[in-house]
Amino acid sequence: MRTVSVREMRTHISKVLEEAEKGETLVIKRYGREIAKLGPMDTEKEKLPSLEEMRRTIECKGNTLSQDILDSRMQERF
């Protein structure tokens, strides 16, 4: 893990980003204090489930909202 000052980061941003892209993790320091960590993206993150998969897991209990609205309107009329 390499340490980079904010000044070095600003002057050599392309080089620093290339290092992170290659897998290097860099610690960024300001006034001698560690303030941030820059590293490669985690490419093996879990993806969010698709909308279709999520919809299949939802169970409807009772009437749908649209049916309740229609029923309510019918009661108001009579």
Protein backbone atom coordinates (compact mmCIF):
# COMPACT_ATOMS: atom_id res chain seq x y z
CA MET A 1 0.00 0.00 0.00
CA ARG A 2 1.54 3.27 -1.14
CA THR A 3 1.03 6.67 0.49
CA VAL A 4 0.31 9.72 -1.66
CA SER A 5 0.03 13.34 -0.58
CA VAL A 6 -2.86 15.47 -1.80
CA ARG A 7 -0.39 17.61 -3.72
CA GLU A 8 1.07 14.57 -5.50
CA MET A 9 -2.45 13.33 -6.15
CA ARG A 10 -3.40 16.62 -7.83
CA THR A 11 -0.25 16.81 -9.94
CA HIS A 12 -0.19 13.18 -11.05
CA ILE A 13 -3.87 12.20 -11.01
CA SER A 14 -3.61 10.11 -14.19
CA LYS A 15 -0.66 8.11 -12.86
CA VAL A 16 -2.35 7.57 -9.48
CA LEU A 17 -5.58 6.40 -11.11
CA GLU A 18 -3.65 4.02 -13.37
CA GLU A 19 -2.02 2.47 -10.30
CA ALA A 20 -5.43 2.01 -8.66
CA GLU A 21 -6.77 0.49 -11.86
CA LYS A 22 -3.92 -2.02 -11.87
CA GLY A 23 -4.86 -3.18 -8.38
CA GLU A 24 -2.73 -0.95 -6.15
CA THR A 25 -4.35 0.53 -3.04
CA LEU A 26 -3.17 4.05 -2.21
CA VAL A 27 -3.57 5.99 1.02
CA ILE A 28 -4.04 9.74 0.54
CA LYS A 29 -2.61 12.03 3.19
CA ARG A 30 -3.24 15.71 3.94
CA TYR A 31 -0.99 17.49 6.42
CA GLY A 32 0.46 14.11 7.43
CA ARG A 33 -2.92 12.58 8.32
CA GLU A 34 -4.51 9.73 6.38
CA ILE A 35 -7.79 11.02 4.94
CA ALA A 36 -8.78 8.56 2.22
CA LYS A 37 -8.03 5.25 0.59
CA LEU A 38 -8.09 4.76 -3.17
CA GLY A 39 -8.12 1.32 -4.70
CA PRO A 40 -9.44 -0.87 -7.49
CA MET A 41 -13.15 -1.48 -7.89
CA ASP A 42 -14.53 -4.72 -6.51
CA THR A 43 -15.60 -6.39 -9.73
CA GLU A 44 -17.11 -9.40 -8.00
CA LYS A 45 -19.85 -7.49 -6.20
CA GLU A 46 -23.21 -9.12 -5.99
CA LYS A 47 -25.52 -7.70 -8.57
CA LEU A 48 -28.96 -6.51 -7.61
CA PRO A 49 -31.76 -8.88 -8.53
CA SER A 50 -33.69 -8.03 -11.64
CA LEU A 51 -37.04 -6.30 -11.32
CA GLU A 52 -38.80 -9.37 -12.69
CA GLU A 53 -37.24 -11.59 -10.02
CA MET A 54 -38.30 -9.16 -7.32
CA ARG A 55 -41.88 -8.99 -8.64
CA ARG A 56 -42.17 -12.79 -8.54
CA THR A 57 -41.36 -12.79 -4.83
CA ILE A 58 -44.13 -10.33 -3.92
CA GLU A 59 -47.37 -11.90 -2.79
CA CYS A 60 -50.65 -10.03 -2.98
CA LYS A 61 -52.84 -10.45 0.09
CA GLY A 62 -56.41 -9.33 -0.36
CA ASN A 63 -57.51 -6.91 -3.06
CA THR A 64 -55.14 -4.88 -5.16
CA LEU A 65 -55.00 -1.12 -4.63
CA SER A 66 -56.73 -0.48 -7.94
CA GLN A 67 -59.56 -2.84 -6.97
CA ASP A 68 -59.97 -1.09 -3.59
CA ILE A 69 -60.19 2.28 -5.34
CA LEU A 70 -62.82 1.01 -7.77
CA ASP A 71 -64.84 -0.51 -4.91
CA SER A 72 -64.61 2.75 -2.95
CA ARG A 73 -65.84 4.75 -5.94
CA MET A 74 -68.76 2.40 -6.44
CA GLN A 75 -69.79 2.77 -2.77
CA GLU A 76 -69.67 6.57 -3.02
CA ARG A 77 -72.01 6.57 -6.02
CA PHE A 78 -74.76 4.58 -4.36
